[in-house]
C-alpha atoms as a PDB file:
ATOM      1  CA  UNK A   1     -14.995 -56.559 171.157  1.00  0.00           C
ATOM      2  CA  UNK A   2     -14.760 -56.778 167.377  1.00  0.00           C
ATOM      3  CA  UNK A   3     -12.101 -58.806 165.600  1.00  0.00           C
ATOM      4  CA  UNK A   4     -10.079 -55.756 164.562  1.00  0.00           C
ATOM      5  CA  UNK A   5      -9.858 -54.399 168.112  1.00  0.00           C
ATOM      6  CA  UNK A   6      -8.971 -57.805 169.514  1.00  0.00           C
ATOM      7  CA  UNK A   7      -6.142 -58.140 166.976  1.00  0.00           C
ATOM      8  CA  UNK A   8      -4.821 -54.690 167.916  1.00  0.00           C
ATOM      9  CA  UNK A   9      -5.070 -55.552 171.620  1.00  0.00           C
ATOM     10  CA  UNK A  10      -3.093 -58.752 171.003  1.00  0.00           C
ATOM     11  CA  UNK A  11      -0.347 -56.750 169.272  1.00  0.00           C
ATOM     12  CA  UNK A  12      -0.042 -54.378 172.223  1.00  0.00           C
ATOM     13  CA  UNK A  13      -0.093 -57.184 174.776  1.00  0.00           C
ATOM     14  CA  UNK A  14       2.812 -58.820 172.943  1.00  0.00           C
ATOM     15  CA  UNK A  15       4.635 -55.454 172.956  1.00  0.00           C
ATOM     16  CA  UNK A  16       4.161 -55.210 176.728  1.00  0.00           C
ATOM     17  CA  UNK A  17       5.266 -58.809 177.263  1.00  0.00           C
ATOM     18  CA  UNK A  18       8.338 -58.288 175.103  1.00  0.00           C
ATOM     19  CA  UNK A  19       9.352 -55.491 177.465  1.00  0.00           C
ATOM     20  CA  UNK A  20       8.887 -57.806 180.450  1.00  0.00           C
ATOM     21  CA  UNK A  21      10.994 -60.450 178.682  1.00  0.00           C
ATOM     22  CA  UNK A  22      13.730 -57.909 177.880  1.00  0.00           C
ATOM     23  CA  UNK A  23      14.082 -56.832 181.487  1.00  0.00           C
ATOM     24  CA  UNK A  24      14.028 -60.441 182.700  1.00  0.00           C
ATOM     25  CA  UNK A  25      16.681 -61.520 180.206  1.00  0.00           C
ATOM     26  CA  UNK A  26      18.887 -58.516 180.987  1.00  0.00           C
ATOM     27  CA  UNK A  27      18.775 -59.250 184.706  1.00  0.00           C
ATOM     28  CA  UNK A  28      18.849 -63.040 184.866  1.00  0.00           C
ATOM     29  CA  UNK A  29      15.228 -63.236 186.041  1.00  0.00           C
ATOM     30  CA  UNK A  30      13.212 -66.398 185.428  1.00  0.00           C
ATOM     31  CA  UNK A  31       9.615 -65.967 184.331  1.00  0.00           C
ATOM     32  CA  UNK A  32       6.872 -68.044 182.749  1.00  0.00           C
ATOM     33  CA  UNK A  33       3.657 -67.343 180.940  1.00  0.00           C
ATOM     34  CA  UNK A  34       0.852 -68.705 183.083  1.00  0.00           C
ATOM     35  CA  UNK A  35      -2.902 -69.235 182.973  1.00  0.00           C
ATOM     36  CA  UNK A  36      -4.578 -68.835 179.612  1.00  0.00           C
ATOM     37  CA  UNK A  37      -1.377 -67.409 178.150  1.00  0.00           C
ATOM     38  CA  UNK A  38       0.430 -70.690 178.847  1.00  0.00           C
ATOM     39  CA  UNK A  39      -2.455 -72.661 177.325  1.00  0.00           C
ATOM     40  CA  UNK A  40      -2.343 -70.385 174.289  1.00  0.00           C
ATOM     41  CA  UNK A  41       1.392 -70.906 173.869  1.00  0.00           C
ATOM     42  CA  UNK A  42       1.040 -74.690 173.983  1.00  0.00           C
ATOM     43  CA  UNK A  43      -2.266 -75.170 172.135  1.00  0.00           C
ATOM     44  CA  UNK A  44      -2.225 -72.266 169.647  1.00  0.00           C
ATOM     45  CA  UNK A  45       1.409 -71.109 169.599  1.00  0.00           C
ATOM     46  CA  UNK A  46       0.025 -67.712 170.534  1.00  0.00           C
ATOM     47  CA  UNK A  47      -3.157 -66.321 172.024  1.00  0.00           C
ATOM     48  CA  UNK A  48      -6.225 -68.381 172.671  1.00  0.00           C
ATOM     49  CA  UNK A  49      -8.225 -66.796 169.812  1.00  0.00           C
ATOM     50  CA  UNK A  50     -10.809 -65.151 172.086  1.00  0.00           C
ATOM     51  CA  UNK A  51      -8.426 -64.266 174.947  1.00  0.00           C
ATOM     52  CA  UNK A  52      -7.866 -60.595 175.782  1.00  0.00           C
ATOM     53  CA  UNK A  53      -5.028 -60.558 178.318  1.00  0.00           C
ATOM     54  CA  UNK A  54      -1.583 -61.979 179.105  1.00  0.00           C
ATOM     55  CA  UNK A  55      -0.408 -63.403 182.419  1.00  0.00           C
ATOM     56  CA  UNK A  56       3.186 -63.890 183.592  1.00  0.00           C
ATOM     57  CA  UNK A  57       4.360 -65.512 186.838  1.00  0.00           C
ATOM     58  CA  UNK A  58       7.639 -65.436 188.788  1.00  0.00           C
ATOM     59  CA  UNK A  59       8.875 -66.841 192.057  1.00  0.00           C
ATOM     60  CA  UNK A  60       8.802 -64.049 194.656  1.00  0.00           C
ATOM     61  CA  UNK A  61      12.589 -63.589 194.656  1.00  0.00           C
ATOM     62  CA  UNK A  62      12.544 -63.043 190.888  1.00  0.00           C
ATOM     63  CA  UNK A  63       9.441 -60.880 191.174  1.00  0.00           C
ATOM     64  CA  UNK A  64      11.194 -58.573 193.649  1.00  0.00           C
ATOM     65  CA  UNK A  65      14.240 -58.366 191.353  1.00  0.00           C
ATOM     66  CA  UNK A  66      11.935 -57.536 188.469  1.00  0.00           C
ATOM     67  CA  UNK A  67      10.208 -54.703 190.344  1.00  0.00           C
ATOM     68  CA  UNK A  68      13.592 -53.269 191.315  1.00  0.00           C
ATOM     69  CA  UNK A  69      14.889 -53.446 187.730  1.00  0.00           C
ATOM     70  CA  UNK A  70      11.756 -51.703 186.445  1.00  0.00           C
ATOM     71  CA  UNK A  71      12.561 -48.644 188.581  1.00  0.00           C
ATOM     72  CA  UNK A  72      15.442 -47.738 186.253  1.00  0.00           C
ATOM     73  CA  UNK A  73      15.209 -49.984 183.188  1.00  0.00           C
ATOM     74  CA  UNK A  74      11.571 -49.876 182.085  1.00  0.00           C
ATOM     75  CA  UNK A  75      11.179 -48.305 178.638  1.00  0.00           C
ATOM     76  CA  UNK A  76       9.665 -44.839 178.312  1.00  0.00           C
ATOM     77  CA  UNK A  77       6.432 -46.161 176.768  1.00  0.00           C
ATOM     78  CA  UNK A  78       5.652 -48.293 179.823  1.00  0.00           C
ATOM     79  CA  UNK A  79       4.907 -47.943 183.506  1.00  0.00           C
ATOM     80  CA  UNK A  80       4.624 -50.371 186.390  1.00  0.00           C
ATOM     81  CA  UNK A  81       1.708 -50.415 188.802  1.00  0.00           C
ATOM     82  CA  UNK A  82       1.870 -52.011 192.253  1.00  0.00           C
ATOM     83  CA  UNK A  83       0.218 -51.673 195.648  1.00  0.00           C
ATOM     84  CA  UNK A  84       3.184 -49.512 196.678  1.00  0.00           C
ATOM     85  CA  UNK A  85       3.219 -46.920 193.901  1.00  0.00           C
ATOM     86  CA  UNK A  86      -0.546 -46.462 193.379  1.00  0.00           C
ATOM     87  CA  UNK A  87      -2.503 -45.779 196.597  1.00  0.00           C
ATOM     88  CA  UNK A  88      -5.765 -46.840 194.918  1.00  0.00           C
ATOM     89  CA  UNK A  89      -4.434 -50.089 193.439  1.00  0.00           C
ATOM     90  CA  UNK A  90      -5.442 -53.059 195.562  1.00  0.00           C
ATOM     91  CA  UNK A  91      -4.209 -56.201 193.786  1.00  0.00           C
ATOM     92  CA  UNK A  92      -1.419 -58.345 195.236  1.00  0.00           C
ATOM     93  CA  UNK A  93       0.394 -58.464 191.885  1.00  0.00           C
ATOM     94  CA  UNK A  94       1.917 -55.940 189.495  1.00  0.00           C
ATOM     95  CA  UNK A  95       0.765 -54.655 186.132  1.00  0.00           C
ATOM     96  CA  UNK A  96       2.967 -53.389 183.337  1.00  0.00           C
ATOM     97  CA  UNK A  97       0.883 -50.764 181.549  1.00  0.00           C
ATOM     98  CA  UNK A  98       1.167 -49.027 178.217  1.00  0.00           C
ATOM     99  CA  UNK A  99       1.165 -45.260 178.680  1.00  0.00           C
ATOM    100  CA  UNK A 100      -1.443 -43.110 176.909  1.00  0.00           C
ATOM    101  CA  UNK A 101      -3.914 -46.002 176.635  1.00  0.00           C
ATOM    102  CA  UNK A 102      -7.078 -46.582 178.644  1.00  0.00           C
ATOM    103  CA  UNK A 103      -8.843 -49.793 179.600  1.00  0.00           C
ATOM    104  CA  UNK A 104     -11.625 -50.408 182.114  1.00  0.00           C
ATOM    105  CA  UNK A 105     -12.881 -53.902 182.876  1.00  0.00           C
ATOM    106  CA  UNK A 106     -16.516 -54.455 183.768  1.00  0.00           C
ATOM    107  CA  UNK A 107     -17.067 -54.201 187.534  1.00  0.00           C
ATOM    108  CA  UNK A 108     -14.089 -51.826 187.794  1.00  0.00           C
ATOM    109  CA  UNK A 109     -15.823 -48.685 186.595  1.00  0.00           C
ATOM    110  CA  UNK A 110     -15.778 -47.133 190.086  1.00  0.00           C
ATOM    111  CA  UNK A 111     -12.228 -48.055 191.026  1.00  0.00           C
ATOM    112  CA  UNK A 112      -9.753 -45.185 191.197  1.00  0.00           C
ATOM    113  CA  UNK A 113      -6.445 -46.790 190.283  1.00  0.00           C
ATOM    114  CA  UNK A 114      -4.705 -45.719 187.094  1.00  0.00           C
ATOM    115  CA  UNK A 115      -6.044 -47.599 184.092  1.00  0.00           C
ATOM    116  CA  UNK A 116      -4.441 -48.625 180.822  1.00  0.00           C
ATOM    117  CA  UNK A 117      -3.735 -51.660 178.634  1.00  0.00           C
ATOM    118  CA  UNK A 118      -1.688 -54.007 180.798  1.00  0.00           C
ATOM    119  CA  UNK A 119      -0.014 -57.356 181.376  1.00  0.00           C
ATOM    120  CA  UNK A 120      -0.332 -58.993 184.799  1.00  0.00           C
ATOM    121  CA  UNK A 121       2.820 -60.083 186.669  1.00  0.00           C
ATOM    122  CA  UNK A 122       2.067 -62.567 189.459  1.00  0.00           C
ATOM    123  CA  UNK A 123       4.411 -63.430 192.369  1.00  0.00           C
ATOM    124  CA  UNK A 124       4.564 -67.025 193.588  1.00  0.00           C
ATOM    125  CA  UNK A 125       4.891 -67.282 197.366  1.00  0.00           C
ATOM    126  CA  UNK A 126       5.736 -70.147 199.682  1.00  0.00           C
ATOM    127  CA  UNK A 127       3.034 -72.497 200.921  1.00  0.00           C
ATOM    128  CA  UNK A 128       3.590 -74.192 204.321  1.00  0.00           C
ATOM    129  CA  UNK A 129       3.790 -77.976 204.605  1.00  0.00           C
ATOM    130  CA  UNK A 130       1.494 -77.989 207.643  1.00  0.00           C
ATOM    131  CA  UNK A 131      -2.124 -78.450 206.520  1.00  0.00           C
ATOM    132  CA  UNK A 132      -3.574 -76.293 209.314  1.00  0.00           C
ATOM    133  CA  UNK A 133      -1.184 -73.436 208.567  1.00  0.00           C
ATOM    134  CA  UNK A 134      -2.036 -73.751 204.885  1.00  0.00           C
ATOM    135  CA  UNK A 135      -5.757 -73.512 205.620  1.00  0.00           C
ATOM    136  CA  UNK A 136      -5.209 -70.392 207.737  1.00  0.00           C
ATOM    137  CA  UNK A 137      -3.152 -68.735 205.001  1.00  0.00           C
ATOM    138  CA  UNK A 138      -5.748 -69.621 202.389  1.00  0.00           C
ATOM    139  CA  UNK A 139      -8.695 -68.245 204.368  1.00  0.00           C
ATOM    140  CA  UNK A 140      -6.933 -65.056 205.420  1.00  0.00           C
ATOM    141  CA  UNK A 141      -5.707 -64.383 201.869  1.00  0.00           C
ATOM    142  CA  UNK A 142      -9.207 -64.862 200.477  1.00  0.00           C
ATOM    143  CA  UNK A 143     -10.727 -62.528 203.059  1.00  0.00           C
ATOM    144  CA  UNK A 144      -8.126 -59.791 202.562  1.00  0.00           C
ATOM    145  CA  UNK A 145      -8.453 -59.926 198.764  1.00  0.00           C
ATOM    146  CA  UNK A 146     -12.226 -59.528 199.057  1.00  0.00           C
ATOM    147  CA  UNK A 147     -11.906 -56.752 201.617  1.00  0.00           C
ATOM    148  CA  UNK A 148      -9.495 -54.858 199.375  1.00  0.00           C
ATOM    149  CA  UNK A 149     -11.691 -55.310 196.316  1.00  0.00           C
ATOM    150  CA  UNK A 150     -14.716 -53.963 198.176  1.00  0.00           C
ATOM    151  CA  UNK A 151     -12.649 -51.139 199.684  1.00  0.00           C
ATOM    152  CA  UNK A 152     -11.424 -50.248 196.211  1.00  0.00           C
ATOM    153  CA  UNK A 153     -15.020 -50.106 194.880  1.00  0.00           C
ATOM    154  CA  UNK A 154     -14.717 -53.128 192.599  1.00  0.00           C
ATOM    155  CA  UNK A 155     -18.201 -54.327 191.742  1.00  0.00           C
ATOM    156  CA  UNK A 156     -17.975 -57.808 193.208  1.00  0.00           C
ATOM    157  CA  UNK A 157     -20.941 -59.360 194.937  1.00  0.00           C
ATOM    158  CA  UNK A 158     -21.470 -63.106 195.017  1.00  0.00           C
ATOM    159  CA  UNK A 159     -25.191 -63.873 195.237  1.00  0.00           C
ATOM    160  CA  UNK A 160     -24.786 -67.624 194.740  1.00  0.00           C
ATOM    161  CA  UNK A 161     -25.885 -68.130 198.349  1.00  0.00           C
ATOM    162  CA  UNK A 162     -27.479 -66.065 201.077  1.00  0.00           C
ATOM    163  CA  UNK A 163     -24.404 -66.626 203.242  1.00  0.00           C
ATOM    164  CA  UNK A 164     -22.056 -65.103 200.651  1.00  0.00           C
ATOM    165  CA  UNK A 165     -24.433 -62.205 200.050  1.00  0.00           C
ATOM    166  CA  UNK A 166     -24.478 -61.427 203.771  1.00  0.00           C
ATOM    167  CA  UNK A 167     -20.695 -61.897 203.985  1.00  0.00           C
ATOM    168  CA  UNK A 168     -19.996 -59.212 201.378  1.00  0.00           C
ATOM    169  CA  UNK A 169     -22.184 -56.701 203.174  1.00  0.00           C
ATOM    170  CA  UNK A 170     -20.524 -57.607 206.458  1.00  0.00           C
ATOM    171  CA  UNK A 171     -17.156 -56.933 204.789  1.00  0.00           C
ATOM    172  CA  UNK A 172     -18.392 -53.474 203.796  1.00  0.00           C
ATOM    173  CA  UNK A 173     -19.238 -52.751 207.423  1.00  0.00           C
ATOM    174  CA  UNK A 174     -15.915 -54.032 208.793  1.00  0.00           C
ATOM    175  CA  UNK A 175     -13.961 -52.176 206.093  1.00  0.00           C
ATOM    176  CA  UNK A 176     -15.009 -48.862 207.609  1.00  0.00           C
ATOM    177  CA  UNK A 177     -12.494 -49.480 210.406  1.00  0.00           C
ATOM    178  CA  UNK A 178      -9.486 -50.200 208.160  1.00  0.00           C
ATOM    179  CA  UNK A 179      -7.541 -48.105 205.679  1.00  0.00           C
ATOM    180  CA  UNK A 180      -6.591 -49.348 202.226  1.00  0.00           C
ATOM    181  CA  UNK A 181      -2.920 -49.024 203.211  1.00  0.00           C
ATOM    182  CA  UNK A 182      -3.393 -51.215 206.273  1.00  0.00           C
ATOM    183  CA  UNK A 183      -5.260 -53.930 204.349  1.00  0.00           C
ATOM    184  CA  UNK A 184      -2.580 -53.977 201.641  1.00  0.00           C
ATOM    185  CA  UNK A 185       0.161 -54.374 204.257  1.00  0.00           C
ATOM    186  CA  UNK A 186      -1.726 -57.286 205.855  1.00  0.00           C
ATOM    187  CA  UNK A 187      -2.225 -58.974 202.475  1.00  0.00           C
ATOM    188  CA  UNK A 188       1.485 -58.711 201.666  1.00  0.00           C
ATOM    189  CA  UNK A 189       2.380 -59.958 205.143  1.00  0.00           C
ATOM    190  CA  UNK A 190       0.107 -62.983 204.775  1.00  0.00           C
ATOM    191  CA  UNK A 191       1.212 -63.835 201.229  1.00  0.00           C
ATOM    192  CA  UNK A 192       4.901 -63.757 202.177  1.00  0.00           C
ATOM    193  CA  UNK A 193       4.514 -65.226 205.674  1.00  0.00           C
ATOM    194  CA  UNK A 194       6.415 -68.435 204.876  1.00  0.00           C
ATOM    195  CA  UNK A 195       8.983 -67.037 202.464  1.00  0.00           C
ATOM    196  CA  UNK A 196      11.669 -67.267 205.133  1.00  0.00           C
ATOM    197  CA  UNK A 197      11.286 -71.051 204.968  1.00  0.00           C
ATOM    198  CA  UNK A 198      12.356 -73.459 202.245  1.00  0.00           C
ATOM    199  CA  UNK A 199       9.099 -75.001 201.045  1.00  0.00           C
ATOM    200  CA  UNK A 200       8.264 -77.529 198.361  1.00  0.00           C
ATOM    201  CA  UNK A 201       5.112 -75.729 197.266  1.00  0.00           C
ATOM    202  CA  UNK A 202       4.379 -72.197 196.064  1.00  0.00           C
ATOM    203  CA  UNK A 203       1.133 -70.458 195.195  1.00  0.00           C
ATOM    204  CA  UNK A 204      -0.096 -67.650 192.983  1.00  0.00           C
ATOM    205  CA  UNK A 205      -2.252 -66.308 195.788  1.00  0.00           C
ATOM    206  CA  UNK A 206      -3.723 -63.526 193.664  1.00  0.00           C
ATOM    207  CA  UNK A 207      -4.630 -65.906 190.852  1.00  0.00           C
ATOM    208  CA  UNK A 208      -8.095 -66.317 189.408  1.00  0.00           C
ATOM    209  CA  UNK A 209      -8.498 -69.984 190.353  1.00  0.00           C
ATOM    210  CA  UNK A 210      -7.907 -69.669 194.087  1.00  0.00           C
ATOM    211  CA  UNK A 211      -5.365 -70.950 196.574  1.00  0.00           C
ATOM    212  CA  UNK A 212      -5.853 -74.692 196.092  1.00  0.00           C
ATOM    213  CA  UNK A 213      -5.699 -74.851 192.298  1.00  0.00           C
ATOM    214  CA  UNK A 214      -2.985 -72.199 192.077  1.00  0.00           C
ATOM    215  CA  UNK A 215      -0.695 -74.135 194.456  1.00  0.00           C
ATOM    216  CA  UNK A 216       2.060 -76.021 192.657  1.00  0.00           C
ATOM    217  CA  UNK A 217       5.639 -77.227 193.046  1.00  0.00           C
ATOM    218  CA  UNK A 218       8.380 -74.629 193.330  1.00  0.00           C
ATOM    219  CA  UNK A 219      10.646 -76.775 191.161  1.00  0.00           C
ATOM    220  CA  UNK A 220       8.323 -76.290 188.181  1.00  0.00           C
ATOM    221  CA  UNK A 221       9.089 -72.568 188.061  1.00  0.00           C
ATOM    222  CA  UNK A 222      12.824 -73.120 188.421  1.00  0.00           C
ATOM    223  CA  UNK A 223      13.081 -74.841 185.028  1.00  0.00           C
ATOM    224  CA  UNK A 224      11.705 -73.109 181.928  1.00  0.00           C
ATOM    225  CA  UNK A 225      11.769 -73.590 178.165  1.00  0.00           C
ATOM    226  CA  UNK A 226      11.294 -71.118 175.321  1.00  0.00           C
ATOM    227  CA  UNK A 227       8.314 -71.660 173.012  1.00  0.00           C
ATOM    228  CA  UNK A 228       6.829 -69.828 170.006  1.00  0.00           C
ATOM    229  CA  UNK A 229       4.132 -67.251 170.684  1.00  0.00           C
ATOM    230  CA  UNK A 230       2.577 -65.323 167.773  1.00  0.00           C
ATOM    231  CA  UNK A 231       5.524 -63.751 165.910  1.00  0.00           C
ATOM    232  CA  UNK A 232       7.960 -64.065 168.830  1.00  0.00           C
ATOM    233  CA  UNK A 233       8.720 -66.427 171.709  1.00  0.00           C
ATOM    234  CA  UNK A 234       8.383 -66.524 175.497  1.00  0.00           C
ATOM    235  CA  UNK A 235       9.339 -68.790 178.374  1.00  0.00           C
ATOM    236  CA  UNK A 236       7.019 -71.308 179.976  1.00  0.00           C
ATOM    237  CA  UNK A 237       7.747 -73.909 182.648  1.00  0.00           C
ATOM    238  CA  UNK A 238       9.158 -77.183 181.357  1.00  0.00           C
ATOM    239  CA  UNK A 239       6.532 -79.187 183.285  1.00  0.00           C
ATOM    240  CA  UNK A 240       3.705 -77.235 181.644  1.00  0.00           C
ATOM    241  CA  UNK A 241       1.601 -80.332 180.922  1.00  0.00           C
ATOM    242  CA  UNK A 242       1.424 -81.482 184.551  1.00  0.00           C
ATOM    243  CA  UNK A 243       0.790 -77.934 185.745  1.00  0.00           C
ATOM    244  CA  UNK A 244      -1.964 -77.189 183.220  1.00  0.00           C
ATOM    245  CA  UNK A 245      -3.746 -80.498 183.758  1.00  0.00           C
ATOM    246  CA  UNK A 246      -3.818 -79.851 187.500  1.00  0.00           C
ATOM    247  CA  UNK A 247      -5.451 -76.444 187.035  1.00  0.00           C
ATOM    248  CA  UNK A 248      -7.576 -76.932 183.906  1.00  0.00           C
ATOM    249  CA  UNK A 249      -7.973 -80.667 183.275  1.00  0.00           C
ATOM    250  CA  UNK A 250      -7.880 -81.509 179.551  1.00  0.00           C
ATOM    251  CA  UNK A 251      -6.559 -78.112 178.472  1.00  0.00           C
ATOM    252  CA  UNK A 252      -5.919 -79.233 174.877  1.00  0.00           C
ATOM    253  CA  UNK A 253      -9.640 -79.648 174.282  1.00  0.00           C
ATOM    254  CA  UNK A 254     -11.391 -76.481 173.137  1.00  0.00           C
ATOM    255  CA  UNK A 255     -14.242 -75.417 175.431  1.00  0.00           C
ATOM    256  CA  UNK A 256     -17.762 -75.135 173.950  1.00  0.00           C
ATOM    257  CA  UNK A 257     -18.523 -71.791 172.301  1.00  0.00           C
ATOM    258  CA  UNK A 258     -20.754 -70.626 175.143  1.00  0.00           C
ATOM    259  CA  UNK A 259     -17.785 -70.856 177.544  1.00  0.00           C
ATOM    260  CA  UNK A 260     -15.289 -68.945 175.411  1.00  0.00           C
ATOM    261  CA  UNK A 261     -15.422 -65.794 177.504  1.00  0.00           C
ATOM    262  CA  UNK A 262     -13.227 -62.699 177.508  1.00  0.00           C
ATOM    263  CA  UNK A 263     -12.778 -60.487 180.562  1.00  0.00           C
ATOM    264  CA  UNK A 264     -15.041 -57.879 179.025  1.00  0.00           C
ATOM    265  CA  UNK A 265     -14.187 -54.202 178.859  1.00  0.00           C
ATOM    266  CA  UNK A 266     -16.449 -51.299 179.678  1.00  0.00           C
ATOM    267  CA  UNK A 267     -14.044 -48.953 177.903  1.00  0.00           C
ATOM    268  CA  UNK A 268     -10.986 -49.436 175.685  1.00  0.00           C
ATOM    269  CA  UNK A 269      -8.896 -46.712 174.055  1.00  0.00           C
ATOM    270  CA  UNK A 270      -5.730 -47.537 172.116  1.00  0.00           C
ATOM    271  CA  UNK A 271      -4.601 -43.913 172.201  1.00  0.00           C
ATOM    272  CA  UNK A 272      -1.691 -43.232 169.803  1.00  0.00           C
ATOM    273  CA  UNK A 273      -1.523 -46.926 168.886  1.00  0.00           C
ATOM    274  CA  UNK A 274      -4.972 -47.057 167.297  1.00  0.00           C
ATOM    275  CA  UNK A 275      -3.749 -46.679 163.727  1.00  0.00           C
ATOM    276  CA  UNK A 276      -0.151 -47.764 164.267  1.00  0.00           C
END
């Protein structure tokens, strides 16, 4: 992506995130930038210069309130995408998309869900205290996410070992016996299995870094601060330093140039916003 397109994408991602912030503020919903967006806020007071997305996280109770509010309060330029309202969408988190735009990530060319410029909204679900129960939840979540991705025609295939290569083809065989709807219901059931309990830990189970690294203390996401981000401001958790060091290590140190990767887009169309 050239510098001009990346700058335009950043502008639209901020527009989308401002809409998320508006709905959260209007409804008393706590949220926090997470992942690379949180690093960007702390280290750059905006985007990591080469980053091409924005990530927001909420405790499940706030996430559910947010989805409900979006049904009637989301601005006309935006739409929300979830496993419930798009039969071909297979992620365990929501996207807020900008209408009349188009974006396709590499490896998602064959997927059938609606596509547009988006911001990811991740729910944080309870993690059990019992180590054995935690291991079971972790393994089942991983399997269901992979099954859904393969069912949805995402181009994932880990060839790092013969075992993983065989596993993905075994998943394809097993998937024949299950519908997308059934797999989505099982993923939701497993992610929220312990939400009826009061737990110390929560996890972004759909996060990029996996169950272990994405597990953190609930209390972190109950206390947020507002920080500058580009030409506006967003909330991040007050204990951002502890959280980021757990996931990324020395996050204030810039990675070497060869590791400054974007997600990569097969297709990107700004629609009516191209020259705006």
